[in-house]
Amino acid sequence: MGRFFVLFSLIIGGLFLWSCETGGGGGGGGIGVNINLGSENISDTSVSFVWNSFSEVENYKLYRGFEDNFNIYEAQIVYSGKDTSFTDIWVNGGQTYYYKVVGEDAQGNVIAQSDYVKVEIPSGSKFILGIDGRKSLVPSGKEVKFRVVVDNADNVYGVSFEISYNSSIFDIDSVNVDFSNNFLGSNLVTFVHDSSGLLSVAVSKTGGGGEDGSGVLCGFKVKALSSGSDTLKLINFRIIDSAGNIINIDEIRNTFVEVLY
């Protein structure tokens, strides 16, 4: 069968949060009020955030991104409402996240914002294949970034999977699937194909041994076409080691996405 193939699917499991620290450059932009975003009650499965309130703010949005100084209009919204605290329980082990909260006025204009907060999550005890951001809100008409990741991998040489989605609600940009900074390295063979409601992806090394640990297999963008919600599901997955043997996965993690108007 060889070292290059096709795989797919997702679920939920133990996550372990390691540390949380303030990152750089989140304020500015002509916005005068700076929100203090802090973390508390960090456990092996979640991280809680608290921030100060302002009487002028009608709605707060907490964003989760994958790099420092991320564009909030391409990031997942994990909370939208009037509360000044939120606990994110939808993270994956071995990954790094950045968070930012903004405050909006009655017209939806951003009038306050925080710096970026960095969260590093160590690996758990299970071998997991999942989509980052297992529950998130997607603004209507915007393209939002997601990632397919692995945690606690052992001797992984190649991975293939399909992502099923409701094509009447969402569109996935199959042209610009991103394999940069890949868990499997830089010398890769990749495959992408999109039919309505099904994105097929395969990525494999071209030499050397398998990879251990945690990291990103690919990134992709989801655009909301209409109101509604759906689960992005990893299906028909397959993972092989450096000898071409199939590796069993302990847990698969899907992501629930809701369109926010």
Protein backbone atom coordinates (compact mmCIF):
# COMPACT_ATOMS: atom_id res chain seq x y z
CA MET A 1 0.00 0.00 0.00
CA GLY A 2 3.01 2.32 0.52
CA ARG A 3 3.55 5.28 2.80
CA PHE A 4 1.13 7.63 1.11
CA PHE A 5 -2.62 7.09 1.49
CA VAL A 6 -6.00 8.59 2.46
CA LEU A 7 -7.57 8.95 6.01
CA PHE A 8 -10.36 10.68 8.13
CA SER A 9 -12.65 11.44 11.59
CA LEU A 10 -12.88 13.24 15.30
CA ILE A 11 -14.21 13.16 19.09
CA ILE A 12 -13.09 14.54 22.65
CA GLY A 13 -10.61 13.77 25.43
CA GLY A 14 -8.26 14.87 28.20
CA LEU A 15 -6.59 18.22 27.69
CA PHE A 16 -3.92 19.69 29.92
CA LEU A 17 -3.26 23.39 30.22
CA TRP A 18 0.32 24.39 30.94
CA SER A 19 0.64 28.15 31.14
CA CYS A 20 -0.95 31.42 30.22
CA GLU A 21 0.86 34.71 29.68
CA THR A 22 0.19 38.11 28.18
CA GLY A 23 1.41 38.48 24.62
CA GLY A 24 2.29 41.62 22.73
CA GLY A 25 0.54 44.35 20.83
CA GLY A 26 -3.22 43.99 21.21
CA GLY A 27 -4.27 47.56 21.95
CA GLY A 28 -3.88 50.70 19.91
CA GLY A 29 -5.66 51.18 16.64
CA GLY A 30 -7.02 54.52 17.86
CA ILE A 31 -9.16 52.85 20.53
CA GLY A 32 -8.79 54.73 23.80
CA VAL A 33 -10.00 52.18 26.36
CA ASN A 34 -7.81 49.17 27.12
CA ILE A 35 -9.41 46.06 28.62
CA ASN A 36 -7.41 44.01 31.11
CA LEU A 37 -7.79 40.37 30.09
CA GLY A 38 -6.52 37.81 32.59
CA SER A 39 -6.69 34.08 33.14
CA GLU A 40 -7.65 32.17 36.26
CA ASN A 41 -8.60 28.67 37.40
CA ILE A 42 -6.30 27.03 34.90
CA SER A 43 -6.78 23.28 35.03
CA ASP A 44 -5.92 20.25 32.96
CA THR A 45 -9.11 20.64 30.91
CA SER A 46 -9.92 24.35 30.65
CA VAL A 47 -8.88 27.95 31.10
CA SER A 48 -11.06 30.73 32.50
CA PHE A 49 -10.81 34.37 31.48
CA VAL A 50 -11.96 37.49 33.29
CA TRP A 51 -11.89 41.10 32.15
CA ASN A 52 -12.97 44.47 33.49
CA SER A 53 -16.30 46.01 32.49
CA PHE A 54 -17.08 49.39 30.94
CA SER A 55 -20.47 51.10 31.05
CA GLU A 56 -20.15 52.15 27.40
CA VAL A 57 -19.72 48.56 26.19
CA GLU A 58 -22.89 46.78 25.05
CA ASN A 59 -21.27 43.48 24.01
CA TYR A 60 -17.97 41.68 24.55
CA LYS A 61 -16.39 39.20 22.14
CA LEU A 62 -13.58 36.83 23.13
CA TYR A 63 -11.51 35.69 20.15
CA ARG A 64 -9.22 32.68 19.88
CA GLY A 65 -6.44 32.64 17.28
CA PHE A 66 -3.34 30.66 16.43
CA GLU A 67 -0.65 33.33 16.29
CA ASP A 68 0.23 36.50 18.16
CA ASN A 69 -1.42 39.66 16.80
CA PHE A 70 -3.93 37.59 14.83
CA ASN A 71 -6.56 39.33 12.73
CA ILE A 72 -9.78 39.17 14.77
CA TYR A 73 -11.82 39.05 11.57
CA GLU A 74 -10.19 35.72 10.69
CA ALA A 75 -10.34 34.29 14.22
CA GLN A 76 -12.81 32.06 16.03
CA ILE A 77 -15.21 33.76 18.44
CA VAL A 78 -15.52 31.64 21.58
CA TYR A 79 -17.81 34.02 23.47
CA SER A 80 -20.18 36.87 22.61
CA GLY A 81 -22.32 38.55 25.29
CA LYS A 82 -22.48 40.97 28.21
CA ASP A 83 -20.61 38.84 30.78
CA THR A 84 -17.06 39.72 31.77
CA SER A 85 -15.86 36.15 32.25
CA PHE A 86 -15.77 32.94 30.24
CA THR A 87 -14.29 29.45 30.49
CA ASP A 88 -12.93 27.89 27.32
CA ILE A 89 -13.18 24.10 27.50
CA TRP A 90 -12.68 23.53 23.76
CA VAL A 91 -8.91 23.38 23.40
CA ASN A 92 -6.57 20.63 22.17
CA GLY A 93 -3.51 19.30 23.97
CA GLY A 94 -0.03 20.23 22.82
CA GLN A 95 -1.20 23.38 21.05
CA THR A 96 -0.66 27.12 21.55
CA TYR A 97 -3.54 29.62 21.43
CA TYR A 98 -3.86 33.37 21.64
CA TYR A 99 -6.90 35.18 23.03
CA LYS A 100 -8.17 38.74 22.73
CA VAL A 101 -11.37 40.39 24.02
CA VAL A 102 -13.01 43.44 22.44
CA GLY A 103 -15.87 45.62 23.64
CA GLU A 104 -18.49 46.92 21.22
CA ASP A 105 -20.98 49.77 21.43
CA ALA A 106 -24.66 49.48 20.50
CA GLN A 107 -23.79 49.87 16.81
CA GLY A 108 -21.22 47.08 16.87
CA ASN A 109 -18.21 49.39 16.74
CA VAL A 110 -15.13 48.26 18.68
CA ILE A 111 -14.54 50.84 21.42
CA ALA A 112 -12.27 48.83 23.75
CA GLN A 113 -9.87 45.92 23.41
CA SER A 114 -7.30 43.90 25.32
CA ASP A 115 -3.77 42.81 24.59
CA TYR A 116 -3.26 39.28 23.32
CA VAL A 117 -3.01 36.51 25.91
CA LYS A 118 -0.94 33.43 25.09
CA VAL A 119 -2.02 29.98 26.31
CA GLU A 120 0.18 26.90 25.97
CA ILE A 121 -1.39 23.48 26.50
CA PRO A 122 0.85 20.46 27.11
CA SER A 123 0.19 17.06 25.66
CA GLY A 124 -2.30 14.75 27.30
CA SER A 125 -2.01 10.99 27.64
CA LYS A 126 -4.06 10.07 24.54
CA PHE A 127 -3.19 10.06 20.85
CA ILE A 128 -5.69 12.56 19.44
CA LEU A 129 -6.62 13.76 15.97
CA GLY A 130 -8.82 16.83 16.07
CA ILE A 131 -9.93 20.15 14.69
CA ASP A 132 -8.78 23.13 16.73
CA GLY A 133 -11.64 25.11 18.22
CA ARG A 134 -14.15 22.40 19.02
CA LYS A 135 -16.89 24.97 19.53
CA SER A 136 -16.85 28.43 18.00
CA LEU A 137 -18.88 31.20 16.42
CA VAL A 138 -18.23 32.31 12.84
CA PRO A 139 -19.32 35.80 11.72
CA SER A 140 -21.54 35.78 8.64
CA GLY A 141 -19.62 36.40 5.42
CA LYS A 142 -16.17 36.10 7.04
CA GLU A 143 -13.49 33.47 6.43
CA VAL A 144 -12.34 32.04 9.77
CA LYS A 145 -9.23 29.93 10.34
CA PHE A 146 -9.30 26.36 11.66
CA ARG A 147 -6.56 23.75 12.03
CA VAL A 148 -6.33 19.96 12.04
CA VAL A 149 -3.93 18.88 14.78
CA VAL A 150 -2.48 15.83 16.50
CA ASP A 151 -1.49 15.37 20.13
CA ASN A 152 0.74 12.73 21.72
CA ALA A 153 1.59 11.17 18.36
CA ASP A 154 4.13 8.35 18.05
CA ASN A 155 6.09 7.58 14.86
CA VAL A 156 3.56 9.21 12.51
CA TYR A 157 4.64 9.22 8.86
CA GLY A 158 1.44 10.11 7.01
CA VAL A 159 -2.14 11.13 7.68
CA SER A 160 -5.26 11.35 5.53
CA PHE A 161 -8.80 12.36 6.45
CA GLU A 162 -11.97 13.95 5.15
CA ILE A 163 -13.88 16.86 6.69
CA SER A 164 -17.62 16.67 6.14
CA TYR A 165 -19.65 19.87 6.37
CA ASN A 166 -23.03 21.33 5.41
CA SER A 167 -22.32 23.09 2.12
CA SER A 168 -25.56 25.09 2.33
CA ILE A 169 -24.27 26.80 5.49
CA PHE A 170 -20.48 26.79 5.07
CA ASP A 171 -17.88 26.93 2.34
CA ILE A 172 -14.33 25.64 2.85
CA ASP A 173 -11.52 27.23 0.85
CA SER A 174 -9.92 24.13 -0.64
CA VAL A 175 -7.50 26.13 -2.83
CA ASN A 176 -5.61 27.62 0.10
CA VAL A 177 -5.28 24.70 2.53
CA ASP A 178 -2.10 25.56 4.46
CA PHE A 179 0.57 22.92 5.14
CA SER A 180 3.24 25.34 6.43
CA ASN A 181 4.95 24.78 9.82
CA ASN A 182 3.79 21.21 9.55
CA PHE A 183 4.09 18.62 12.31
CA LEU A 184 5.51 16.20 9.73
CA GLY A 185 8.24 18.59 8.58
CA SER A 186 8.91 20.44 5.34
CA ASN A 187 9.55 17.64 2.81
CA LEU A 188 5.98 16.57 2.18
CA VAL A 189 3.62 15.12 -0.37
CA THR A 190 0.14 16.65 -0.06
CA PHE A 191 -3.27 16.09 -1.61
CA VAL A 192 -6.43 18.20 -1.43
CA HIS A 193 -9.79 17.64 -3.11
CA ASP A 194 -13.13 19.29 -2.43
CA SER A 195 -16.54 18.10 -3.49
CA SER A 196 -19.63 19.77 -2.15
CA GLY A 197 -19.74 19.08 1.59
CA LEU A 198 -16.57 16.97 1.72
CA LEU A 199 -12.94 18.15 1.90
CA SER A 200 -10.36 15.38 1.37
CA VAL A 201 -6.80 15.92 2.64
CA ALA A 202 -3.69 13.77 2.78
CA VAL A 203 -0.18 14.69 3.91
CA SER A 204 2.87 12.43 4.12
CA LYS A 205 6.60 12.64 4.66
CA THR A 206 8.87 11.72 1.76
CA GLY A 207 11.72 10.17 3.73
CA GLY A 208 13.21 9.57 7.13
CA GLY A 209 11.42 8.27 10.20
CA GLY A 210 8.06 9.09 11.73
CA GLU A 211 7.33 12.06 13.99
CA ASP A 212 6.47 12.12 17.69
CA GLY A 213 4.63 14.69 19.79
CA SER A 214 2.05 17.34 18.93
CA GLY A 215 1.51 19.79 16.13
CA VAL A 216 -0.49 21.04 13.15
CA LEU A 217 -1.24 18.95 10.05
CA CYS A 218 -2.95 21.68 8.05
CA GLY A 219 -4.91 24.90 8.30
CA PHE A 220 -8.03 25.86 6.39
CA LYS A 221 -10.65 28.62 6.28
CA VAL A 222 -14.39 28.30 6.71
CA LYS A 223 -16.82 30.91 5.37
CA ALA A 224 -20.39 31.21 6.63
CA LEU A 225 -22.86 31.40 3.73
CA SER A 226 -26.13 31.53 5.67
CA SER A 227 -27.54 31.31 9.17
CA GLY A 228 -27.42 28.03 11.05
CA SER A 229 -24.95 25.68 12.70
CA ASP A 230 -23.16 22.48 11.84
CA THR A 231 -20.44 20.12 13.06
CA LEU A 232 -17.26 19.89 11.01
CA LYS A 233 -16.51 16.17 11.22
CA LEU A 234 -13.29 14.31 10.57
CA ILE A 235 -14.20 11.04 8.88
CA ASN A 236 -12.47 8.23 6.96
CA PHE A 237 -9.21 8.96 8.74
CA ARG A 238 -6.08 6.90 8.42
CA ILE A 239 -2.64 7.29 9.99
CA ILE A 240 0.46 5.23 9.21
CA ASP A 241 3.89 4.90 10.81
CA SER A 242 7.27 4.86 9.09
CA ALA A 243 6.87 1.16 8.25
CA GLY A 244 3.49 1.67 6.60
CA ASN A 245 1.52 0.18 9.50
CA ILE A 246 -1.80 1.69 10.51
CA ILE A 247 -1.74 3.54 13.85
CA ASN A 248 -4.82 3.47 16.05
CA ILE A 249 -6.16 6.78 17.36
CA ASP A 250 -7.38 7.05 20.94
CA GLU A 251 -9.72 9.94 20.33
CA ILE A 252 -11.21 12.01 17.50
CA ARG A 253 -12.40 15.59 18.09
CA ASN A 254 -14.90 17.38 15.88
CA THR A 255 -15.84 21.05 16.03
CA PHE A 256 -19.29 22.60 16.33
CA VAL A 257 -19.62 25.87 14.44
CA GLU A 258 -22.47 28.37 14.72
CA VAL A 259 -22.99 31.36 12.44
CA LEU A 260 -23.08 34.67 14.29
CA TYR A 261 -24.97 37.58 12.71
